[in-house]
Protein backbone atom coordinates (compact mmCIF):
# COMPACT_ATOMS: atom_id res chain seq x y z
CA MET A 1 0.00 0.00 0.00
CA ASP A 2 1.50 3.34 -0.95
CA TYR A 3 1.27 6.53 1.08
CA HIS A 4 -1.71 7.98 -0.83
CA GLU A 5 -3.81 4.89 -0.17
CA LYS A 6 -3.44 5.45 3.58
CA ARG A 7 -5.13 8.86 3.46
CA ARG A 8 -8.60 9.05 4.98
CA HIS A 9 -9.61 12.17 3.04
CA THR A 10 -9.11 13.24 -0.55
CA ARG A 11 -6.63 16.09 -1.02
CA LEU A 12 -7.24 19.02 -3.33
CA PHE A 13 -3.93 20.13 -4.86
CA PHE A 14 -3.44 23.69 -6.09
CA SER A 15 -1.45 24.24 -9.27
CA ASP A 16 1.43 26.67 -9.64
CA ASN A 17 -0.95 28.94 -11.57
CA GLU A 18 -3.36 29.20 -8.64
CA LYS A 19 -0.87 30.35 -5.96
CA ILE A 20 -3.23 30.27 -2.97
CA GLN A 21 -1.91 32.25 0.02
CA GLY A 22 -2.99 31.74 3.60
CA SER A 23 -2.43 33.83 6.71
CA PHE A 24 -1.22 31.90 9.75
CA ARG A 25 -0.10 32.71 13.26
CA THR A 26 1.34 30.88 16.21
CA ASN A 27 -0.08 30.96 19.72
CA SER A 28 2.77 33.26 20.74
CA GLU A 29 1.85 36.93 20.98
CA SER A 30 5.50 37.85 20.38
CA GLU A 31 5.58 36.24 16.92
CA PRO A 32 4.02 38.13 14.00
CA PRO A 33 1.54 36.39 11.66
CA PHE A 34 3.01 34.94 8.48
CA SER A 35 1.80 34.22 4.96
CA ALA A 36 2.43 30.93 3.22
CA GLU A 37 1.60 29.36 -0.12
CA VAL A 38 -1.01 26.63 0.40
CA LEU A 39 -0.07 23.59 -1.68
CA ASP A 40 -2.97 21.27 -0.82
CA ILE A 41 -5.94 20.94 1.48
CA SER A 42 -8.22 18.17 2.73
CA GLU A 43 -10.70 17.60 5.50
CA SER A 44 -7.87 16.48 7.77
CA GLY A 45 -5.16 19.01 7.00
CA LEU A 46 -3.25 21.18 4.59
CA GLY A 47 0.23 21.54 3.24
CA PHE A 48 1.99 24.88 2.89
CA THR A 49 5.40 26.28 2.10
CA PHE A 50 7.18 29.50 3.01
CA LYS A 51 10.61 30.89 3.78
CA ARG A 52 10.88 30.70 7.52
CA ASP A 53 12.39 33.44 9.68
CA THR A 54 14.87 31.98 12.15
CA ASN A 55 12.80 33.41 15.02
CA GLN A 56 9.61 31.55 14.09
CA SER A 57 8.78 28.53 16.20
CA ILE A 58 7.47 26.32 13.41
CA ALA A 59 8.26 22.80 14.56
CA GLN A 60 6.57 19.43 14.72
CA GLY A 61 3.95 19.41 17.45
CA ASN A 62 3.57 23.21 17.60
CA LYS A 63 0.13 24.78 17.35
CA ILE A 64 -0.72 27.35 14.67
CA ILE A 65 -3.93 29.02 13.54
CA LEU A 66 -5.10 29.48 9.96
CA ASP A 67 -6.50 33.01 10.03
CA SER A 68 -7.71 33.22 6.42
CA PHE A 69 -7.09 32.56 2.75
CA HIS A 70 -6.10 35.60 0.68
CA GLU A 71 -7.59 34.82 -2.72
CA LEU A 72 -10.35 32.24 -2.39
CA VAL A 73 -13.61 33.75 -1.23
CA LYS A 74 -15.10 30.23 -1.26
CA LEU A 75 -12.65 29.21 1.47
CA GLN A 76 -13.14 32.26 3.71
CA GLN A 77 -15.42 30.19 5.94
CA LEU A 78 -12.29 28.17 6.75
CA SER A 79 -10.79 30.72 9.09
CA MET A 80 -9.62 30.82 12.68
CA ILE A 81 -8.88 27.09 12.53
CA PRO A 82 -6.40 25.71 15.06
CA MET A 83 -3.89 23.21 13.68
CA THR A 84 -1.03 21.05 14.89
CA ILE A 85 2.10 20.82 12.78
CA ARG A 86 2.65 17.16 11.94
CA TRP A 87 5.93 17.44 10.03
CA VAL A 88 8.44 20.02 8.84
CA LEU A 89 10.96 19.83 6.03
CA ASP A 90 13.70 22.47 6.09
């Protein structure tokens, strides 16, 4: 069984032409919000990429909040969603 067969929910992948941006923040008041390109989304999670500042505490197990999507009005109802980072690739 390959990795994709283990997924419980279907993922929607965004193409390079779509460039969907999301606004995120950590639970720390001292860290500013950050924007990231959303690569994919499903009922159980999303993937994003961005150039991390060395001061940002983005690590496996940390909590972040998806504040909003910049471009997709259809996804605006998906806001203020708490998330747990499951993996990080530097």
